[in-house]
Amino acid sequence: MMTKRKNTGLDFVVDKLTNSIENIVTGDSFPTEISVVTRDDLKLTTKKNGWVFNWLSEFKQPEREVYKLTIVNNPAGLPTSEIF
């Protein structure tokens, strides 16, 4: 029996695709690296530190891969993908 998947929407808008992280106010562009998230990376992604998404829960799902976007080793975002 196949389980019905819950459709979850996203609450953000992608305004522009670029090859780096860009400040939309100033237009400044920052060199960006994409790498796989480690459990240690997730120690900083807590509600106490201002994150509103539970990245550890996402990380623990075996069918998902979580990546981090960094600007000179500063976390900027954590995209995730699901393997089908």
N, C-alpha and C. Protein backbone atom coordinates (compact mmCIF):
# COMPACT_ATOMS: atom_id res chain seq x y z
N MET A 1 0.84 -1.18 0.00
CA MET A 1 0.00 0.00 0.00
C MET A 1 0.88 1.24 0.00
N MET A 2 0.58 2.15 -0.88
CA MET A 2 1.36 3.38 -0.99
C MET A 2 0.80 4.45 -0.04
N THR A 3 1.69 5.11 0.69
CA THR A 3 1.25 6.16 1.61
C THR A 3 1.06 7.47 0.85
N LYS A 4 0.01 8.16 1.19
CA LYS A 4 -0.23 9.45 0.56
C LYS A 4 0.69 10.49 1.19
N ARG A 5 1.38 11.24 0.33
CA ARG A 5 2.32 12.25 0.81
C ARG A 5 1.59 13.56 1.06
N LYS A 6 1.95 14.21 2.11
CA LYS A 6 1.39 15.52 2.43
C LYS A 6 2.12 16.57 1.60
N ASN A 7 1.38 17.41 0.91
CA ASN A 7 1.97 18.48 0.12
C ASN A 7 2.24 19.66 1.04
N THR A 8 3.50 20.05 1.14
CA THR A 8 3.85 21.19 1.99
C THR A 8 4.27 22.35 1.10
N GLY A 9 3.69 23.50 1.34
CA GLY A 9 4.01 24.68 0.55
C GLY A 9 5.20 25.42 1.12
N LEU A 10 5.75 26.28 0.30
CA LEU A 10 6.87 27.11 0.73
C LEU A 10 6.38 28.52 0.99
N ASP A 11 6.94 29.17 2.00
CA ASP A 11 6.47 30.51 2.34
C ASP A 11 7.49 31.59 1.99
N PHE A 12 8.19 31.41 0.88
CA PHE A 12 9.13 32.42 0.42
C PHE A 12 9.05 32.52 -1.10
N VAL A 13 9.58 33.60 -1.61
CA VAL A 13 9.58 33.84 -3.05
C VAL A 13 11.04 33.92 -3.52
N VAL A 14 11.36 33.20 -4.57
CA VAL A 14 12.67 33.33 -5.19
C VAL A 14 12.57 34.48 -6.16
N ASP A 15 13.24 35.58 -5.85
CA ASP A 15 13.11 36.77 -6.68
C ASP A 15 14.05 36.80 -7.86
N LYS A 16 15.16 36.03 -7.76
CA LYS A 16 16.15 36.06 -8.82
C LYS A 16 17.12 34.90 -8.60
N LEU A 17 17.53 34.24 -9.66
CA LEU A 17 18.54 33.18 -9.55
C LEU A 17 19.90 33.77 -9.91
N THR A 18 20.86 33.56 -9.02
CA THR A 18 22.21 34.07 -9.25
C THR A 18 23.22 32.97 -8.96
N ASN A 19 24.47 33.21 -9.27
CA ASN A 19 25.54 32.25 -8.99
C ASN A 19 26.15 32.46 -7.61
N SER A 20 25.60 33.40 -6.85
CA SER A 20 26.12 33.70 -5.52
C SER A 20 24.99 34.29 -4.69
N ILE A 21 25.27 34.51 -3.43
CA ILE A 21 24.30 35.18 -2.57
C ILE A 21 24.44 36.67 -2.83
N GLU A 22 23.31 37.32 -3.00
CA GLU A 22 23.31 38.73 -3.36
C GLU A 22 22.43 39.51 -2.40
N ASN A 23 22.93 40.65 -1.95
CA ASN A 23 22.16 41.56 -1.10
C ASN A 23 21.24 42.35 -2.02
N ILE A 24 19.93 42.17 -1.85
CA ILE A 24 19.00 42.83 -2.77
C ILE A 24 18.91 44.34 -2.56
N VAL A 25 19.32 44.82 -1.39
CA VAL A 25 19.28 46.26 -1.13
C VAL A 25 20.47 46.96 -1.78
N THR A 26 21.68 46.39 -1.59
CA THR A 26 22.90 47.05 -2.08
C THR A 26 23.37 46.52 -3.43
N GLY A 27 22.92 45.30 -3.79
CA GLY A 27 23.41 44.68 -5.02
C GLY A 27 24.74 43.98 -4.85
N ASP A 28 25.31 44.04 -3.64
CA ASP A 28 26.58 43.36 -3.38
C ASP A 28 26.41 41.85 -3.59
N SER A 29 27.43 41.24 -4.18
CA SER A 29 27.42 39.80 -4.43
C SER A 29 28.54 39.17 -3.61
N PHE A 30 28.26 38.03 -3.00
CA PHE A 30 29.22 37.38 -2.12
C PHE A 30 29.56 36.00 -2.65
N PRO A 31 30.85 35.64 -2.69
CA PRO A 31 31.22 34.29 -3.11
C PRO A 31 30.50 33.27 -2.24
N THR A 32 29.92 32.27 -2.87
CA THR A 32 29.06 31.32 -2.18
C THR A 32 29.55 29.90 -2.39
N GLU A 33 29.58 29.14 -1.32
CA GLU A 33 29.91 27.72 -1.40
C GLU A 33 28.69 26.91 -1.01
N ILE A 34 28.49 25.77 -1.66
CA ILE A 34 27.42 24.83 -1.31
C ILE A 34 28.09 23.54 -0.88
N SER A 35 27.74 23.07 0.31
CA SER A 35 28.30 21.81 0.81
C SER A 35 27.26 21.08 1.65
N VAL A 36 27.51 19.81 1.88
CA VAL A 36 26.59 18.97 2.65
C VAL A 36 26.67 19.37 4.12
N VAL A 37 25.51 19.45 4.77
CA VAL A 37 25.43 19.80 6.19
C VAL A 37 25.87 18.61 7.04
N THR A 38 26.58 18.90 8.13
CA THR A 38 26.95 17.88 9.11
C THR A 38 26.12 18.09 10.37
N ARG A 39 26.11 17.10 11.22
CA ARG A 39 25.38 17.23 12.49
C ARG A 39 25.94 18.40 13.30
N ASP A 40 27.25 18.61 13.26
CA ASP A 40 27.85 19.73 13.99
C ASP A 40 27.34 21.08 13.47
N ASP A 41 27.14 21.19 12.15
CA ASP A 41 26.59 22.44 11.58
C ASP A 41 25.24 22.77 12.21
N LEU A 42 24.46 21.76 12.49
CA LEU A 42 23.10 21.96 12.96
C LEU A 42 23.02 22.42 14.42
N LYS A 43 24.14 22.37 15.14
CA LYS A 43 24.14 22.85 16.52
C LYS A 43 23.83 24.34 16.60
N LEU A 44 24.07 25.06 15.50
CA LEU A 44 23.82 26.50 15.47
C LEU A 44 22.44 26.86 14.96
N THR A 45 21.73 25.91 14.37
CA THR A 45 20.43 26.21 13.75
C THR A 45 19.28 25.93 14.73
N THR A 46 19.28 26.67 15.83
CA THR A 46 18.27 26.49 16.87
C THR A 46 17.34 27.70 16.92
N LYS A 47 16.19 27.51 17.55
CA LYS A 47 15.26 28.64 17.74
C LYS A 47 15.94 29.75 18.53
N LYS A 48 16.76 29.35 19.50
CA LYS A 48 17.47 30.32 20.33
C LYS A 48 18.36 31.22 19.47
N ASN A 49 18.89 30.67 18.37
CA ASN A 49 19.74 31.45 17.47
C ASN A 49 18.96 32.10 16.33
N GLY A 50 17.63 32.06 16.40
CA GLY A 50 16.81 32.76 15.43
C GLY A 50 16.30 31.93 14.26
N TRP A 51 16.60 30.65 14.22
CA TRP A 51 16.10 29.79 13.14
C TRP A 51 14.69 29.34 13.47
N VAL A 52 13.79 29.40 12.51
CA VAL A 52 12.40 29.02 12.76
C VAL A 52 12.04 27.64 12.21
N PHE A 53 13.00 26.99 11.56
CA PHE A 53 12.76 25.66 10.99
C PHE A 53 13.60 24.65 11.73
N ASN A 54 13.07 23.45 11.96
CA ASN A 54 13.80 22.40 12.66
C ASN A 54 14.67 21.62 11.67
N TRP A 55 15.89 22.10 11.46
CA TRP A 55 16.79 21.47 10.49
C TRP A 55 17.28 20.11 10.96
N LEU A 56 17.37 19.88 12.26
CA LEU A 56 17.80 18.57 12.75
C LEU A 56 16.78 17.50 12.36
N SER A 57 15.51 17.83 12.48
CA SER A 57 14.46 16.90 12.07
C SER A 57 14.56 16.59 10.58
N GLU A 58 14.82 17.60 9.77
CA GLU A 58 14.99 17.43 8.33
C GLU A 58 16.21 16.56 8.04
N PHE A 59 17.29 16.81 8.76
CA PHE A 59 18.55 16.08 8.59
C PHE A 59 18.40 14.59 8.90
N LYS A 60 17.54 14.28 9.87
CA LYS A 60 17.37 12.88 10.30
C LYS A 60 16.54 12.04 9.33
N GLN A 61 15.91 12.64 8.35
CA GLN A 61 15.10 11.89 7.40
C GLN A 61 16.02 11.30 6.33
N PRO A 62 16.12 9.98 6.26
CA PRO A 62 17.12 9.33 5.39
C PRO A 62 16.93 9.60 3.90
N GLU A 63 15.74 9.94 3.48
CA GLU A 63 15.49 10.18 2.06
C GLU A 63 15.84 11.62 1.64
N ARG A 64 16.33 12.42 2.57
CA ARG A 64 16.63 13.83 2.29
C ARG A 64 18.12 14.10 2.39
N GLU A 65 18.57 15.06 1.63
CA GLU A 65 19.94 15.57 1.74
C GLU A 65 19.83 17.06 2.04
N VAL A 66 20.53 17.52 3.07
CA VAL A 66 20.49 18.92 3.45
C VAL A 66 21.85 19.53 3.13
N TYR A 67 21.82 20.68 2.49
CA TYR A 67 23.04 21.39 2.10
C TYR A 67 23.09 22.73 2.81
N LYS A 68 24.27 23.32 2.85
CA LYS A 68 24.40 24.66 3.42
C LYS A 68 25.01 25.59 2.39
N LEU A 69 24.51 26.81 2.39
CA LEU A 69 25.09 27.89 1.59
C LEU A 69 25.92 28.72 2.55
N THR A 70 27.16 28.98 2.19
CA THR A 70 28.00 29.76 3.09
C THR A 70 28.67 30.91 2.36
N ILE A 71 28.85 31.98 3.09
CA ILE A 71 29.62 33.14 2.65
C ILE A 71 30.82 33.21 3.58
N VAL A 72 31.99 32.93 3.07
CA VAL A 72 33.21 32.94 3.88
C VAL A 72 32.97 32.23 5.22
N ASN A 73 32.48 31.01 5.14
CA ASN A 73 32.23 30.14 6.29
C ASN A 73 31.15 30.65 7.25
N ASN A 74 30.26 31.52 6.80
CA ASN A 74 29.11 31.95 7.60
C ASN A 74 27.86 31.32 7.02
N PRO A 75 27.07 30.58 7.83
CA PRO A 75 25.85 29.98 7.29
C PRO A 75 24.91 31.05 6.75
N ALA A 76 24.43 30.84 5.54
CA ALA A 76 23.51 31.78 4.93
C ALA A 76 22.17 31.16 4.66
N GLY A 77 22.13 29.86 4.48
CA GLY A 77 20.88 29.18 4.20
C GLY A 77 21.09 27.68 4.14
N LEU A 78 20.04 26.91 4.30
CA LEU A 78 20.12 25.45 4.28
C LEU A 78 19.06 24.89 3.33
N PRO A 79 19.39 24.72 2.07
CA PRO A 79 18.42 24.07 1.18
C PRO A 79 18.42 22.57 1.41
N THR A 80 17.36 21.92 1.06
CA THR A 80 17.25 20.47 1.23
C THR A 80 16.62 19.87 -0.01
N SER A 81 16.94 18.63 -0.28
CA SER A 81 16.33 17.93 -1.40
C SER A 81 15.95 16.54 -0.98
N GLU A 82 14.95 15.98 -1.64
CA GLU A 82 14.50 14.64 -1.33
C GLU A 82 14.84 13.74 -2.50
N ILE A 83 15.36 12.56 -2.20
CA ILE A 83 15.71 11.60 -3.23
C ILE A 83 14.49 10.73 -3.51
N PHE A 84 14.06 10.69 -4.75
CA PHE A 84 12.89 9.89 -5.13
C PHE A 84 13.31 8.59 -5.75
